[in-house]
Amino acid sequence: MPENISNNALILALLSLNGEIAIQKDYLESGEVPEDEVTDEEEVLDDLEQAFMEFVDVYKARAKADDSLPSIEELLAGEEG
């Protein structure tokens, strides 16, 4: 991932992915997923979670070098509130 991505873009990507993961989990737990699509939808969730973790790793490195950024825990807790 390029180092020139802005902090704002990184934060928005993390929050967006986190929201999409929640939506996908809700969908999978809803019982509305056709039986023949469950595996595909689980793979979508796995892909979202993998992408999220990659962004978390980048964010943690960035936050370590930039004291103005909140911790990943604070960032995600702020989204819940």
Protein backbone atom coordinates (compact mmCIF):
# COMPACT_ATOMS: atom_id res chain seq x y z
CA MET A 1 0.00 0.00 0.00
CA PRO A 2 1.44 3.38 -0.91
CA GLU A 3 2.73 5.43 1.97
CA ASN A 4 1.19 8.56 0.50
CA ILE A 5 -2.39 7.60 1.39
CA SER A 6 -3.76 10.24 3.73
CA ASN A 7 -4.66 9.52 7.34
CA ASN A 8 -8.23 10.52 6.55
CA ALA A 9 -8.48 8.04 3.66
CA LEU A 10 -7.05 5.28 5.84
CA ILE A 11 -9.51 6.02 8.65
CA LEU A 12 -12.46 6.13 6.25
CA ALA A 13 -11.40 2.83 4.68
CA LEU A 14 -11.17 1.17 8.09
CA LEU A 15 -14.55 2.47 9.23
CA SER A 16 -16.18 1.54 5.93
CA LEU A 17 -14.79 -1.98 5.97
CA ASN A 18 -15.79 -2.41 9.60
CA GLY A 19 -19.34 -1.35 8.72
CA GLU A 20 -19.49 -3.67 5.72
CA ILE A 21 -18.29 -6.57 7.88
CA ALA A 22 -21.13 -5.89 10.35
CA ILE A 23 -23.67 -5.75 7.52
CA GLN A 24 -22.38 -9.00 5.99
CA LYS A 25 -22.45 -10.78 9.37
CA ASP A 26 -26.01 -9.60 9.97
CA TYR A 27 -27.01 -10.83 6.53
CA LEU A 28 -25.44 -14.25 7.10
CA GLU A 29 -27.14 -14.54 10.50
CA SER A 30 -30.52 -13.37 9.20
CA GLY A 31 -31.53 -16.64 7.65
CA GLU A 32 -32.35 -14.78 4.43
CA VAL A 33 -29.36 -16.08 2.48
CA PRO A 34 -30.43 -18.71 -0.05
CA GLU A 35 -28.83 -22.04 0.83
CA ASP A 36 -26.90 -22.20 -2.45
CA GLU A 37 -25.34 -18.77 -1.76
CA VAL A 38 -24.17 -19.24 1.83
CA THR A 39 -20.66 -20.36 0.86
CA ASP A 40 -20.22 -17.41 -1.50
CA GLU A 41 -21.45 -14.96 1.13
CA GLU A 42 -19.11 -16.47 3.73
CA GLU A 43 -16.24 -15.98 1.29
CA VAL A 44 -17.25 -12.33 0.88
CA LEU A 45 -17.11 -11.97 4.66
CA ASP A 46 -13.69 -13.63 4.76
CA ASP A 47 -12.41 -11.25 2.07
CA LEU A 48 -13.76 -8.21 3.93
CA GLU A 49 -12.17 -9.35 7.17
CA GLN A 50 -8.82 -9.98 5.46
CA ALA A 51 -8.85 -6.54 3.86
CA PHE A 52 -9.79 -4.99 7.20
CA MET A 53 -6.86 -6.68 8.95
CA GLU A 54 -4.46 -5.45 6.26
CA PHE A 55 -5.68 -1.88 6.80
CA VAL A 56 -5.42 -2.34 10.58
CA ASP A 57 -1.77 -3.31 10.20
CA VAL A 58 -1.08 -0.21 8.10
CA TYR A 59 -3.02 1.99 10.52
CA LYS A 60 -1.18 0.66 13.58
CA ALA A 61 2.17 1.41 11.95
CA ARG A 62 0.96 4.88 10.98
CA ALA A 63 -0.44 5.57 14.48
CA LYS A 64 2.83 4.48 16.07
CA ALA A 65 4.65 7.12 14.00
CA ASP A 66 1.93 9.81 14.37
CA ASP A 67 0.83 10.59 17.92
CA SER A 68 -2.10 12.65 16.66
CA LEU A 69 -3.92 9.49 15.52
CA PRO A 70 -6.08 7.60 18.01
CA SER A 71 -5.38 3.95 18.69
CA ILE A 72 -7.29 1.49 16.52
CA GLU A 73 -9.33 0.56 19.59
CA GLU A 74 -10.30 4.21 20.19
CA LEU A 75 -11.10 4.70 16.53
CA LEU A 76 -13.44 1.72 16.37
CA ALA A 77 -14.98 2.43 19.79
CA GLY A 78 -15.82 5.94 18.57
CA GLU A 79 -17.75 4.41 15.69
CA GLU A 80 -19.97 2.47 18.10
CA GLY A 81 -20.84 5.47 20.20
